[in-house]
Amino acid sequence: MTATESRSAAPTATPPAGEPARVVPDGLPLLPEDPPRVGDFWLQSRLGANAAGYLYAASDDSGQRAVVAMMTEGSADDAAARDRFVTAVDELPTEAVLAHNDSDDDDLALWVALGPVRPDDGSSSASDERIIAERRGEDVLSAVLMDRVPQLGRFRGPDFRHYWENRRRPGLFRIWPLPWPAVLRPASRVALILALVTMALIMGLAMLIAWLLFRNAPEVDPGPVIPTPSGTSTVTVTPTTPPPGTVSPSPGPGTPTSTVTVTPSPGATITGPFPTGGTPGSPGSDPSDRF
């Protein structure tokens, strides 16, 4: 369906006597799936669509108006369809092509901005410029779809249909630099700033609560054993638990120590020098007292 067909399909109603006639808009509103911007042009409304692509009314930052033709997701993935799009654009007059993306961007949908289109001042020449740009965009999309190729011979067999005709979403696009916040209204900018400040306050409050909860938490004792590259870990153990009924002196330079080497697999083995010379029943004489 061409752009003209899409607009003529819009329902119209006859107004009652004495009321002004309703003005049918030139384009349809953009959908969430439509790109807000392609290249330097901001898209404003849909002018038409078919299986090959979409026509948009657009304008750049300087106010230059144009008609943008952009491929669909299905046609953009077909190399032959992309070649037909590029060939159709190359056949247009040079002054009619305002901008287009690089045909080597295989991951992006091809698009072309057609014009020039003057602002609608009510004159017939401004309307003619827009109609001419729309017709050129329709010709480009029709070349991709091949719906205007004359039939050679008689009709035989099933009708021809592209395998990608069901994939009619707008093709992939890239926006750089990002369109916001330039496209936002002043009220939207205030809402965005308030949302960012609120998020920062919530994050700061969460960090403060975490610090208050864990600032007096005791340290983990004993600490984790970190194995060495050789696969063993050495831990020095100082026995400080005396037998019942005895007084344990504070550990000093002469306190006996044990050096333990731990092998994680297949089992734990304990090796190293242990304190000797203890008497039975004294600290250090019983292996269970070493830990």
C-alpha atoms as a PDB file:
ATOM      1  CA  MET A   1       0.000   0.000   0.000  1.00  0.00           C
ATOM      2  CA  THR A   2       1.449   3.341  -1.070  1.00  0.00           C
ATOM      3  CA  ALA A   3       1.499   6.555   0.873  1.00  0.00           C
ATOM      4  CA  THR A   4      -1.486   7.927  -1.032  1.00  0.00           C
ATOM      5  CA  GLU A   5      -3.489   4.776  -0.353  1.00  0.00           C
ATOM      6  CA  SER A   6      -2.664   4.848   3.365  1.00  0.00           C
ATOM      7  CA  ARG A   7      -3.960   8.402   3.746  1.00  0.00           C
ATOM      8  CA  SER A   8      -7.049   7.835   1.648  1.00  0.00           C
ATOM      9  CA  ALA A   9      -7.920   4.786   3.770  1.00  0.00           C
ATOM     10  CA  ALA A  10      -8.411   7.019   6.828  1.00  0.00           C
ATOM     11  CA  PRO A  11     -12.088   7.224   7.829  1.00  0.00           C
ATOM     12  CA  THR A  12     -13.844  10.458   6.994  1.00  0.00           C
ATOM     13  CA  ALA A  13     -17.208  11.664   8.191  1.00  0.00           C
ATOM     14  CA  THR A  14     -19.567  14.271   6.757  1.00  0.00           C
ATOM     15  CA  PRO A  15     -19.999  17.037   9.349  1.00  0.00           C
ATOM     16  CA  PRO A  16     -23.486  18.280  10.216  1.00  0.00           C
ATOM     17  CA  ALA A  17     -24.758  21.385   8.545  1.00  0.00           C
ATOM     18  CA  GLY A  18     -23.315  24.553  10.023  1.00  0.00           C
ATOM     19  CA  GLU A  19     -20.130  22.912  11.409  1.00  0.00           C
ATOM     20  CA  PRO A  20     -16.712  23.351   9.825  1.00  0.00           C
ATOM     21  CA  ALA A  21     -15.334  20.389   7.913  1.00  0.00           C
ATOM     22  CA  ARG A  22     -12.727  18.267   9.644  1.00  0.00           C
ATOM     23  CA  VAL A  23      -9.213  18.611   8.321  1.00  0.00           C
ATOM     24  CA  VAL A  24      -7.622  15.236   7.595  1.00  0.00           C
ATOM     25  CA  PRO A  25      -3.976  15.314   8.722  1.00  0.00           C
ATOM     26  CA  ASP A  26      -1.283  14.812   6.111  1.00  0.00           C
ATOM     27  CA  GLY A  27       0.381  12.084   8.149  1.00  0.00           C
ATOM     28  CA  LEU A  28      -0.291   9.562  10.882  1.00  0.00           C
ATOM     29  CA  PRO A  29       1.309   9.762  14.342  1.00  0.00           C
ATOM     30  CA  LEU A  30       4.544   7.925  14.938  1.00  0.00           C
ATOM     31  CA  LEU A  31       4.402   4.597  16.746  1.00  0.00           C
ATOM     32  CA  PRO A  32       6.764   3.534  19.556  1.00  0.00           C
ATOM     33  CA  GLU A  33       8.595   1.269  17.116  1.00  0.00           C
ATOM     34  CA  ASP A  34       9.424   4.171  14.787  1.00  0.00           C
ATOM     35  CA  PRO A  35      12.835   5.807  15.161  1.00  0.00           C
ATOM     36  CA  PRO A  36      12.684   9.354  16.552  1.00  0.00           C
ATOM     37  CA  ARG A  37      15.552  10.446  14.353  1.00  0.00           C
ATOM     38  CA  VAL A  38      17.564   9.193  11.376  1.00  0.00           C
ATOM     39  CA  GLY A  39      20.718  11.041  10.497  1.00  0.00           C
ATOM     40  CA  ASP A  40      20.126  14.773  10.990  1.00  0.00           C
ATOM     41  CA  PHE A  41      16.366  14.558  10.505  1.00  0.00           C
ATOM     42  CA  TRP A  42      13.736  14.347  13.238  1.00  0.00           C
ATOM     43  CA  LEU A  43      10.767  12.243  12.155  1.00  0.00           C
ATOM     44  CA  GLN A  44       7.389  13.898  12.685  1.00  0.00           C
ATOM     45  CA  SER A  45       4.694  11.645  11.196  1.00  0.00           C
ATOM     46  CA  ARG A  46       4.060   8.653   8.958  1.00  0.00           C
ATOM     47  CA  LEU A  47       3.105   9.404   5.381  1.00  0.00           C
ATOM     48  CA  GLY A  48       2.709   5.817   4.198  1.00  0.00           C
ATOM     49  CA  ALA A  49       4.054   2.293   4.391  1.00  0.00           C
ATOM     50  CA  ASN A  50       4.308  -0.951   2.458  1.00  0.00           C
ATOM     51  CA  ALA A  51       6.276  -4.177   2.785  1.00  0.00           C
ATOM     52  CA  ALA A  52       9.437  -2.482   1.474  1.00  0.00           C
ATOM     53  CA  GLY A  53       9.580   0.509   3.805  1.00  0.00           C
ATOM     54  CA  TYR A  54       8.047   3.623   5.329  1.00  0.00           C
ATOM     55  CA  LEU A  55       7.644   7.246   4.322  1.00  0.00           C
ATOM     56  CA  TYR A  56       8.038   9.858   7.063  1.00  0.00           C
ATOM     57  CA  ALA A  57       7.643  13.605   7.227  1.00  0.00           C
ATOM     58  CA  ALA A  58      10.794  14.983   8.820  1.00  0.00           C
ATOM     59  CA  SER A  59      12.802  18.130   9.475  1.00  0.00           C
ATOM     60  CA  ASP A  60      16.330  18.863  10.642  1.00  0.00           C
ATOM     61  CA  ASP A  61      17.551  21.200  13.381  1.00  0.00           C
ATOM     62  CA  SER A  62      17.650  24.154  10.988  1.00  0.00           C
ATOM     63  CA  GLY A  63      14.001  23.688  10.000  1.00  0.00           C
ATOM     64  CA  GLN A  64      14.657  22.124   6.598  1.00  0.00           C
ATOM     65  CA  ARG A  65      11.701  19.843   5.825  1.00  0.00           C
ATOM     66  CA  ALA A  66      12.022  16.588   3.925  1.00  0.00           C
ATOM     67  CA  VAL A  67      10.403  13.246   3.202  1.00  0.00           C
ATOM     68  CA  VAL A  68      12.379  10.246   4.529  1.00  0.00           C
ATOM     69  CA  ALA A  69      12.058   6.807   2.930  1.00  0.00           C
ATOM     70  CA  MET A  70      13.337   3.995   5.173  1.00  0.00           C
ATOM     71  CA  MET A  71      13.464   0.229   4.607  1.00  0.00           C
ATOM     72  CA  THR A  72      11.651  -2.293   6.773  1.00  0.00           C
ATOM     73  CA  GLU A  73      13.383  -4.928   8.858  1.00  0.00           C
ATOM     74  CA  GLY A  74      12.694  -7.657   6.299  1.00  0.00           C
ATOM     75  CA  SER A  75      13.762  -5.779   3.181  1.00  0.00           C
ATOM     76  CA  ALA A  76      16.872  -4.395   4.903  1.00  0.00           C
ATOM     77  CA  ASP A  77      18.096  -7.960   5.527  1.00  0.00           C
ATOM     78  CA  ASP A  78      17.870  -8.853   1.822  1.00  0.00           C
ATOM     79  CA  ALA A  79      21.001  -7.955  -0.156  1.00  0.00           C
ATOM     80  CA  ALA A  80      19.104  -7.805  -3.459  1.00  0.00           C
ATOM     81  CA  ALA A  81      16.488  -5.464  -1.957  1.00  0.00           C
ATOM     82  CA  ARG A  82      19.240  -3.201  -0.638  1.00  0.00           C
ATOM     83  CA  ASP A  83      20.811  -3.062  -4.101  1.00  0.00           C
ATOM     84  CA  ARG A  84      17.474  -2.080  -5.624  1.00  0.00           C
ATOM     85  CA  PHE A  85      17.068   0.669  -3.013  1.00  0.00           C
ATOM     86  CA  VAL A  86      20.543   2.081  -3.758  1.00  0.00           C
ATOM     87  CA  THR A  87      19.962   1.897  -7.522  1.00  0.00           C
ATOM     88  CA  ALA A  88      16.629   3.726  -7.234  1.00  0.00           C
ATOM     89  CA  VAL A  89      18.222   6.480  -5.133  1.00  0.00           C
ATOM     90  CA  ASP A  90      21.090   6.872  -7.606  1.00  0.00           C
ATOM     91  CA  GLU A  91      18.589   7.393 -10.432  1.00  0.00           C
ATOM     92  CA  LEU A  92      16.974  10.365  -8.678  1.00  0.00           C
ATOM     93  CA  PRO A  93      18.073  13.928  -9.499  1.00  0.00           C
ATOM     94  CA  THR A  94      21.036  15.068  -7.446  1.00  0.00           C
ATOM     95  CA  GLU A  95      19.202  18.087  -6.027  1.00  0.00           C
ATOM     96  CA  ALA A  96      16.350  15.859  -4.823  1.00  0.00           C
ATOM     97  CA  VAL A  97      18.532  13.767  -2.463  1.00  0.00           C
ATOM     98  CA  LEU A  98      19.247  15.766   0.679  1.00  0.00           C
ATOM     99  CA  ALA A  99      20.995  13.008   2.653  1.00  0.00           C
ATOM    100  CA  HIS A 100      21.255   9.245   2.961  1.00  0.00           C
ATOM    101  CA  ASN A 101      23.196   6.738   5.043  1.00  0.00           C
ATOM    102  CA  ASP A 102      26.079   4.572   3.882  1.00  0.00           C
ATOM    103  CA  SER A 103      25.094   1.514   1.871  1.00  0.00           C
ATOM    104  CA  ASP A 104      27.955  -0.427   3.500  1.00  0.00           C
ATOM    105  CA  ASP A 105      26.178  -0.408   6.894  1.00  0.00           C
ATOM    106  CA  ASP A 106      24.948  -3.981   6.621  1.00  0.00           C
ATOM    107  CA  ASP A 107      23.478  -3.929  10.131  1.00  0.00           C
ATOM    108  CA  LEU A 108      21.352  -0.824   9.512  1.00  0.00           C
ATOM    109  CA  ALA A 109      18.324  -0.131   7.346  1.00  0.00           C
ATOM    110  CA  LEU A 110      18.920   2.130   4.363  1.00  0.00           C
ATOM    111  CA  TRP A 111      17.158   5.494   4.303  1.00  0.00           C
ATOM    112  CA  VAL A 112      17.130   8.582   2.124  1.00  0.00           C
ATOM    113  CA  ALA A 113      15.891  12.134   2.779  1.00  0.00           C
ATOM    114  CA  LEU A 114      14.141  13.672  -0.232  1.00  0.00           C
ATOM    115  CA  GLY A 115      13.311  17.282  -0.888  1.00  0.00           C
ATOM    116  CA  PRO A 116      13.608  20.181  -0.843  1.00  0.00           C
ATOM    117  CA  VAL A 117      10.274  20.816   0.864  1.00  0.00           C
ATOM    118  CA  ARG A 118       9.441  24.352   1.945  1.00  0.00           C
ATOM    119  CA  PRO A 119       7.346  25.017   5.061  1.00  0.00           C
ATOM    120  CA  ASP A 120       3.634  24.860   4.403  1.00  0.00           C
ATOM    121  CA  ASP A 121       2.699  28.496   3.831  1.00  0.00           C
ATOM    122  CA  GLY A 122      -0.565  27.739   2.081  1.00  0.00           C
ATOM    123  CA  SER A 123       0.853  28.190  -1.393  1.00  0.00           C
ATOM    124  CA  SER A 124       0.455  25.625  -4.120  1.00  0.00           C
ATOM    125  CA  SER A 125       4.200  25.501  -4.797  1.00  0.00           C
ATOM    126  CA  ALA A 126       4.935  24.319  -1.250  1.00  0.00           C
ATOM    127  CA  SER A 127       2.320  21.578  -1.573  1.00  0.00           C
ATOM    128  CA  ASP A 128       3.728  20.566  -4.937  1.00  0.00           C
ATOM    129  CA  GLU A 129       7.224  20.203  -3.497  1.00  0.00           C
ATOM    130  CA  ARG A 130       5.964  17.873  -0.796  1.00  0.00           C
ATOM    131  CA  ILE A 131       3.895  15.821  -3.240  1.00  0.00           C
ATOM    132  CA  ILE A 132       6.886  15.479  -5.571  1.00  0.00           C
ATOM    133  CA  ALA A 133       9.103  14.334  -2.670  1.00  0.00           C
ATOM    134  CA  GLU A 134       6.460  11.799  -1.615  1.00  0.00           C
ATOM    135  CA  ARG A 135       6.169  10.448  -5.155  1.00  0.00           C
ATOM    136  CA  ARG A 136       9.928  10.009  -5.335  1.00  0.00           C
ATOM    137  CA  GLY A 137       9.918   8.152  -2.037  1.00  0.00           C
ATOM    138  CA  GLU A 138       7.133   5.890  -3.292  1.00  0.00           C
ATOM    139  CA  ASP A 139       9.153   5.181  -6.446  1.00  0.00           C
ATOM    140  CA  VAL A 140      12.156   4.144  -4.349  1.00  0.00           C
ATOM    141  CA  LEU A 141      10.096   1.764  -2.199  1.00  0.00           C
ATOM    142  CA  SER A 142       8.286   0.409  -5.249  1.00  0.00           C
ATOM    143  CA  ALA A 143      11.632  -0.401  -6.850  1.00  0.00           C
ATOM    144  CA  VAL A 144      12.498  -2.443  -3.751  1.00  0.00           C
ATOM    145  CA  LEU A 145       9.141  -4.206  -3.798  1.00  0.00           C
ATOM    146  CA  MET A 146       9.173  -4.587  -7.636  1.00  0.00           C
ATOM    147  CA  ASP A 147       5.416  -4.010  -7.757  1.00  0.00           C
ATOM    148  CA  ARG A 148       5.664  -1.759 -10.812  1.00  0.00           C
ATOM    149  CA  VAL A 149       7.691  -4.111 -12.987  1.00  0.00           C
ATOM    150  CA  PRO A 150       5.645  -4.755 -16.136  1.00  0.00           C
ATOM    151  CA  GLN A 151       4.356  -8.294 -16.592  1.00  0.00           C
ATOM    152  CA  LEU A 152       5.968 -10.220 -19.449  1.00  0.00           C
ATOM    153  CA  GLY A 153       3.794 -12.939 -20.906  1.00  0.00           C
ATOM    154  CA  ARG A 154       0.676 -14.417 -19.419  1.00  0.00           C
ATOM    155  CA  PHE A 155      -0.056 -14.939 -15.719  1.00  0.00           C
ATOM    156  CA  ARG A 156       0.647 -18.522 -14.751  1.00  0.00           C
ATOM    157  CA  GLY A 157       1.134 -20.204 -11.417  1.00  0.00           C
ATOM    158  CA  PRO A 158       0.919 -18.617  -7.954  1.00  0.00           C
ATOM    159  CA  ASP A 159       1.397 -14.934  -7.369  1.00  0.00           C
ATOM    160  CA  PHE A 160       4.907 -13.690  -6.565  1.00  0.00           C
ATOM    161  CA  ARG A 161       5.600 -12.777  -2.945  1.00  0.00           C
ATOM    162  CA  HIS A 162       8.802 -11.754  -1.196  1.00  0.00           C
ATOM    163  CA  TYR A 163       9.832 -14.007   1.660  1.00  0.00           C
ATOM    164  CA  TRP A 164      10.381 -10.982   3.923  1.00  0.00           C
ATOM    165  CA  GLU A 165       7.011  -9.259   3.394  1.00  0.00           C
ATOM    166  CA  ASN A 166       5.714 -10.273   6.849  1.00  0.00           C
ATOM    167  CA  ARG A 167       8.611  -8.524   8.610  1.00  0.00           C
ATOM    168  CA  ARG A 168       7.222  -5.012   8.368  1.00  0.00           C
ATOM    169  CA  ARG A 169       8.734  -3.389  11.425  1.00  0.00           C
ATOM    170  CA  PRO A 170      11.020  -0.397  10.753  1.00  0.00           C
ATOM    171  CA  GLY A 171      14.568  -1.505  10.072  1.00  0.00           C
ATOM    172  CA  LEU A 172      17.418  -1.180  12.527  1.00  0.00           C
ATOM    173  CA  PHE A 173      18.743   2.328  13.028  1.00  0.00           C
ATOM    174  CA  ARG A 174      21.455   4.053  15.030  1.00  0.00           C
ATOM    175  CA  ILE A 175      21.112   7.370  16.818  1.00  0.00           C
ATOM    176  CA  TRP A 176      24.327   9.201  17.620  1.00  0.00           C
ATOM    177  CA  PRO A 177      24.504  11.539  19.335  1.00  0.00           C
ATOM    178  CA  LEU A 178      21.528  10.586  21.457  1.00  0.00           C
ATOM    179  CA  PRO A 179      18.387  12.631  20.744  1.00  0.00           C
ATOM    180  CA  TRP A 180      17.756  13.596  24.349  1.00  0.00           C
ATOM    181  CA  PRO A 181      17.708  15.965  26.138  1.00  0.00           C
ATOM    182  CA  ALA A 182      17.469  18.251  23.080  1.00  0.00           C
ATOM    183  CA  VAL A 183      14.112  16.740  22.115  1.00  0.00           C
ATOM    184  CA  LEU A 184      12.655  17.056  25.621  1.00  0.00           C
ATOM    185  CA  ARG A 185      10.291  19.832  26.594  1.00  0.00           C
ATOM    186  CA  PRO A 186      11.203  22.012  29.611  1.00  0.00           C
ATOM    187  CA  ALA A 187       8.743  20.083  31.792  1.00  0.00           C
ATOM    188  CA  SER A 188      10.349  16.819  30.728  1.00  0.00           C
ATOM    189  CA  ARG A 189      13.797  18.132  31.577  1.00  0.00           C
ATOM    190  CA  VAL A 190      12.623  19.035  35.110  1.00  0.00           C
ATOM    191  CA  ALA A 191      11.101  15.557  35.557  1.00  0.00           C
ATOM    192  CA  LEU A 192      14.321  13.924  34.341  1.00  0.00           C
ATOM    193  CA  ILE A 193      16.473  15.985  36.733  1.00  0.00           C
ATOM    194  CA  LEU A 194      14.167  15.219  39.678  1.00  0.00           C
ATOM    195  CA  ALA A 195      14.283  11.502  38.870  1.00  0.00           C
ATOM    196  CA  LEU A 196      18.096  11.512  38.778  1.00  0.00           C
ATOM    197  CA  VAL A 197      18.314  13.422  42.086  1.00  0.00           C
ATOM    198  CA  THR A 198      15.858  11.017  43.719  1.00  0.00           C
ATOM    199  CA  MET A 199      17.879   8.014  42.554  1.00  0.00           C
ATOM    200  CA  ALA A 200      21.077   9.567  43.943  1.00  0.00           C
ATOM    201  CA  LEU A 201      19.422  10.207  47.334  1.00  0.00           C
ATOM    202  CA  ILE A 202      18.103   6.642  47.535  1.00  0.00           C
ATOM    203  CA  MET A 203      21.545   5.233  46.730  1.00  0.00           C
ATOM    204  CA  GLY A 204      23.194   7.445  49.349  1.00  0.00           C
ATOM    205  CA  LEU A 205      20.627   6.443  51.988  1.00  0.00           C
ATOM    206  CA  ALA A 206      21.164   2.763  51.221  1.00  0.00           C
ATOM    207  CA  MET A 207      24.944   3.135  51.604  1.00  0.00           C
ATOM    208  CA  LEU A 208      24.496   4.994  54.931  1.00  0.00           C
ATOM    209  CA  ILE A 209      22.211   2.265  56.318  1.00  0.00           C
ATOM    210  CA  ALA A 210      24.688  -0.435  55.274  1.00  0.00           C
ATOM    211  CA  TRP A 211      27.560   1.428  56.978  1.00  0.00           C
ATOM    212  CA  LEU A 212      25.573   1.862  60.218  1.00  0.00           C
ATOM    213  CA  LEU A 213      24.658  -1.829  60.307  1.00  0.00           C
ATOM    214  CA  PHE A 214      28.106  -3.269  59.660  1.00  0.00           C
ATOM    215  CA  ARG A 215      30.499  -0.699  61.138  1.00  0.00           C
ATOM    216  CA  ASN A 216      30.747  -2.598  64.491  1.00  0.00           C
ATOM    217  CA  ALA A 217      30.634  -6.094  63.047  1.00  0.00           C
ATOM    218  CA  PRO A 218      33.399  -8.316  64.501  1.00  0.00           C
ATOM    219  CA  GLU A 219      36.125  -9.481  62.219  1.00  0.00           C
ATOM    220  CA  VAL A 220      36.070 -13.052  61.020  1.00  0.00           C
ATOM    221  CA  ASP A 221      38.489 -15.140  63.158  1.00  0.00           C
ATOM    222  CA  PRO A 222      40.268 -17.158  61.996  1.00  0.00           C
ATOM    223  CA  GLY A 223      40.642 -15.538  58.620  1.00  0.00           C
ATOM    224  CA  PRO A 224      40.294 -17.428  55.378  1.00  0.00           C
ATOM    225  CA  VAL A 225      43.136 -19.715  54.343  1.00  0.00           C
ATOM    226  CA  ILE A 226      44.545 -18.685  50.972  1.00  0.00           C
ATOM    227  CA  PRO A 227      46.503 -21.479  49.274  1.00  0.00           C
ATOM    228  CA  THR A 228      49.902 -20.772  47.758  1.00  0.00           C
ATOM    229  CA  PRO A 229      50.713 -21.532  44.114  1.00  0.00           C
ATOM    230  CA  SER A 230      52.200 -24.855  45.245  1.00  0.00           C
ATOM    231  CA  GLY A 231      48.788 -25.982  46.533  1.00  0.00           C
ATOM    232  CA  THR A 232      49.577 -25.787  50.284  1.00  0.00           C
ATOM    233  CA  SER A 233      48.873 -23.262  53.009  1.00  0.00           C
ATOM    234  CA  THR A 234      50.955 -22.568  56.138  1.00  0.00           C
ATOM    235  CA  VAL A 235      49.183 -21.501  59.309  1.00  0.00           C
ATOM    236  CA  THR A 236      50.924 -20.646  62.589  1.00  0.00           C
ATOM    237  CA  VAL A 237      48.931 -21.713  65.651  1.00  0.00           C
ATOM    238  CA  THR A 238      49.664 -20.431  69.198  1.00  0.00           C
ATOM    239  CA  PRO A 239      48.083 -22.573  71.949  1.00  0.00           C
ATOM    240  CA  THR A 240      46.411 -20.309  74.484  1.00  0.00           C
ATOM    241  CA  THR A 241      43.881 -22.649  76.140  1.00  0.00           C
ATOM    242  CA  PRO A 242      45.271 -23.990  79.471  1.00  0.00           C
ATOM    243  CA  PRO A 243      44.052 -27.179  81.133  1.00  0.00           C
ATOM    244  CA  PRO A 244      41.346 -26.767  83.784  1.00  0.00           C
ATOM    245  CA  GLY A 245      42.612 -25.530  87.137  1.00  0.00           C
ATOM    246  CA  THR A 246      45.756 -23.841  85.825  1.00  0.00           C
ATOM    247  CA  VAL A 247      46.579 -20.219  85.134  1.00  0.00           C
ATOM    248  CA  SER A 248      47.642 -19.427  81.599  1.00  0.00           C
ATOM    249  CA  PRO A 249      50.322 -16.783  81.276  1.00  0.00           C
ATOM    250  CA  SER A 250      50.035 -14.231  78.518  1.00  0.00           C
ATOM    251  CA  PRO A 251      51.711 -15.312  75.276  1.00  0.00           C
ATOM    252  CA  GLY A 252      55.216 -13.958  75.137  1.00  0.00           C
ATOM    253  CA  PRO A 253      58.325 -14.351  73.080  1.00  0.00           C
ATOM    254  CA  GLY A 254      58.945 -17.782  74.579  1.00  0.00           C
ATOM    255  CA  THR A 255      55.478 -19.154  73.933  1.00  0.00           C
ATOM    256  CA  PRO A 256      55.700 -22.386  71.943  1.00  0.00           C
ATOM    257  CA  THR A 257      54.159 -22.268  68.465  1.00  0.00           C
ATOM    258  CA  SER A 258      53.313 -24.815  65.813  1.00  0.00           C
ATOM    259  CA  THR A 259      53.668 -24.458  62.066  1.00  0.00           C
ATOM    260  CA  VAL A 260      50.987 -26.348  60.173  1.00  0.00           C
ATOM    261  CA  THR A 261      51.009 -27.018  56.420  1.00  0.00           C
ATOM    262  CA  VAL A 262      47.571 -27.777  54.977  1.00  0.00           C
ATOM    263  CA  THR A 263      47.124 -29.565  51.676  1.00  0.00           C
ATOM    264  CA  PRO A 264      43.550 -29.110  50.391  1.00  0.00           C
ATOM    265  CA  SER A 265      43.274 -32.366  48.427  1.00  0.00           C
ATOM    266  CA  PRO A 266      42.845 -35.259  48.511  1.00  0.00           C
ATOM    267  CA  GLY A 267      42.898 -34.870  52.298  1.00  0.00           C
ATOM    268  CA  ALA A 268      44.327 -32.531  54.920  1.00  0.00           C
ATOM    269  CA  THR A 269      47.840 -33.313  56.163  1.00  0.00           C
ATOM    270  CA  ILE A 270      49.559 -31.538  59.033  1.00  0.00           C
ATOM    271  CA  THR A 271      53.339 -31.278  59.042  1.00  0.00           C
ATOM    272  CA  GLY A 272      55.900 -29.079  60.714  1.00  0.00           C
ATOM    273  CA  PRO A 273      57.770 -28.594  63.973  1.00  0.00           C
ATOM    274  CA  PHE A 274      55.665 -28.980  67.114  1.00  0.00           C
ATOM    275  CA  PRO A 275      56.622 -28.005  70.679  1.00  0.00           C
ATOM    276  CA  THR A 276      58.533 -30.698  72.523  1.00  0.00           C
ATOM    277  CA  GLY A 277      59.824 -31.187  76.049  1.00  0.00           C
ATOM    278  CA  GLY A 278      56.408 -30.934  77.685  1.00  0.00           C
ATOM    279  CA  THR A 279      55.467 -33.186  80.513  1.00  0.00           C
ATOM    280  CA  PRO A 280      52.350 -35.328  80.518  1.00  0.00           C
ATOM    281  CA  GLY A 281      49.359 -33.231  81.493  1.00  0.00           C
ATOM    282  CA  SER A 282      51.165 -29.944  80.775  1.00  0.00           C
ATOM    283  CA  PRO A 283      50.197 -27.567  77.966  1.00  0.00           C
ATOM    284  CA  GLY A 284      51.642 -28.735  74.698  1.00  0.00           C
ATOM    285  CA  SER A 285      52.043 -32.413  75.658  1.00  0.00           C
ATOM    286  CA  ASP A 286      48.575 -33.407  74.422  1.00  0.00           C
ATOM    287  CA  PRO A 287      48.124 -33.052  70.624  1.00  0.00           C
ATOM    288  CA  SER A 288      44.525 -31.917  71.254  1.00  0.00           C
ATOM    289  CA  ASP A 289      45.818 -28.889  73.198  1.00  0.00           C
ATOM    290  CA  ARG A 290      47.705 -27.511  70.219  1.00  0.00           C
ATOM    291  CA  PHE A 291      44.611 -26.034  68.610  1.00  0.00           C
END
